[in-house]
Amino acid sequence: MPKVAFTPNLSRHVECPTLDAPGVTLREVLDAVFAGNPRLRGYVLDDQGGLRRHMSVFIDDTQVRDRKALSDPVGPECRIFVAQALSGG
């Protein structure tokens, strides 16, 4: 089952431990995560269901390509990392 991890700075706002979640696409995996943690959804996805501009998601060290439908394939041994982009000046 794919393993999903979140950047530590997200935990300042909502609890988001690393966990296993079923699915064969990024959408299915994230939907499984959000089913158990609905509050996290608003930090990761926009109101249209796509990734927020300030979020980056990697599947096995490769940044996802489909930020809207989240259709990138996910294998059973994949590691998914959800990161909140940081900026400064």
Protein backbone atom coordinates (compact mmCIF):
# COMPACT_ATOMS: atom_id res chain seq x y z
CA MET A 1 0.00 0.00 0.00
CA PRO A 2 1.38 3.47 -0.82
CA LYS A 3 2.87 5.41 2.10
CA VAL A 4 1.96 9.10 2.43
CA ALA A 5 4.12 11.56 4.38
CA PHE A 6 3.59 15.26 4.96
CA THR A 7 6.12 18.01 5.50
CA PRO A 8 6.48 18.87 9.20
CA ASN A 9 5.39 22.50 8.75
CA LEU A 10 1.84 21.31 7.91
CA SER A 11 1.57 19.75 11.36
CA ARG A 12 1.54 23.26 12.86
CA HIS A 13 -1.97 23.62 11.42
CA VAL A 14 -3.40 20.11 11.37
CA GLU A 15 -2.30 16.68 12.54
CA CYS A 16 -0.91 14.74 9.57
CA PRO A 17 1.08 11.65 10.51
CA THR A 18 2.72 9.42 7.92
CA LEU A 19 0.36 6.61 6.96
CA ASP A 20 -0.49 3.95 4.43
CA ALA A 21 -3.45 4.61 2.14
CA PRO A 22 -4.96 2.53 -0.68
CA GLY A 23 -5.27 3.67 -4.28
CA VAL A 24 -3.81 3.41 -7.77
CA THR A 25 -3.89 7.14 -8.57
CA LEU A 26 -2.83 10.09 -6.48
CA ARG A 27 -6.49 11.18 -6.25
CA GLU A 28 -7.54 7.81 -4.79
CA VAL A 29 -4.71 7.78 -2.26
CA LEU A 30 -5.34 11.36 -1.13
CA ASP A 31 -9.10 10.75 -0.92
CA ALA A 32 -8.38 7.81 1.40
CA VAL A 33 -6.16 10.05 3.56
CA PHE A 34 -8.76 12.82 3.68
CA ALA A 35 -11.53 10.36 4.59
CA GLY A 36 -9.70 9.82 7.86
CA ASN A 37 -8.58 13.44 8.23
CA PRO A 38 -11.09 15.77 6.48
CA ARG A 39 -9.54 18.95 7.86
CA LEU A 40 -6.28 18.23 6.04
CA ARG A 41 -8.05 18.36 2.66
CA GLY A 42 -8.46 22.15 2.83
CA TYR A 43 -4.74 22.65 3.37
CA VAL A 44 -3.74 20.48 0.41
CA LEU A 45 -6.53 20.94 -2.18
CA ASP A 46 -8.31 24.00 -3.50
CA ASP A 47 -12.09 24.36 -3.85
CA GLN A 48 -11.94 22.70 -7.30
CA GLY A 49 -10.17 19.61 -5.92
CA GLY A 50 -6.75 20.39 -7.43
CA LEU A 51 -3.52 21.00 -5.56
CA ARG A 52 -3.22 24.43 -4.01
CA ARG A 53 -0.57 26.62 -5.63
CA HIS A 54 1.64 26.48 -2.56
CA MET A 55 1.60 22.66 -2.37
CA SER A 56 3.99 20.23 -4.05
CA VAL A 57 3.50 16.48 -4.17
CA PHE A 58 6.14 13.93 -5.09
CA ILE A 59 5.65 10.28 -5.93
CA ASP A 60 8.93 8.43 -5.41
CA ASP A 61 10.94 11.65 -5.78
CA THR A 62 9.14 12.73 -8.98
CA GLN A 63 6.90 15.79 -8.82
CA VAL A 64 3.33 15.05 -9.90
CA ARG A 65 2.34 16.27 -13.35
CA ASP A 66 -1.44 16.41 -13.06
CA ARG A 67 -2.13 19.06 -10.41
CA LYS A 68 -5.85 19.30 -11.26
CA ALA A 69 -7.25 15.77 -11.64
CA LEU A 70 -4.42 14.13 -9.64
CA SER A 71 -4.40 11.22 -12.07
CA ASP A 72 -0.70 10.35 -11.69
CA PRO A 73 -0.37 6.57 -11.19
CA VAL A 74 0.66 5.22 -7.81
CA GLY A 75 2.08 1.74 -7.26
CA PRO A 76 1.62 -0.34 -4.12
CA GLU A 77 5.17 0.34 -2.90
CA CYS A 78 5.23 4.07 -3.74
CA ARG A 79 6.12 6.77 -1.29
CA ILE A 80 4.16 10.00 -1.61
CA PHE A 81 5.46 13.19 -0.02
CA VAL A 82 3.21 16.24 0.34
CA ALA A 83 5.13 19.47 0.89
CA GLN A 84 4.03 23.01 1.50
CA ALA A 85 6.15 25.39 -0.54
CA LEU A 86 7.88 28.06 1.50
CA SER A 87 8.97 31.44 0.25
CA GLY A 88 10.68 34.37 1.73
CA GLY A 89 12.55 37.44 0.86
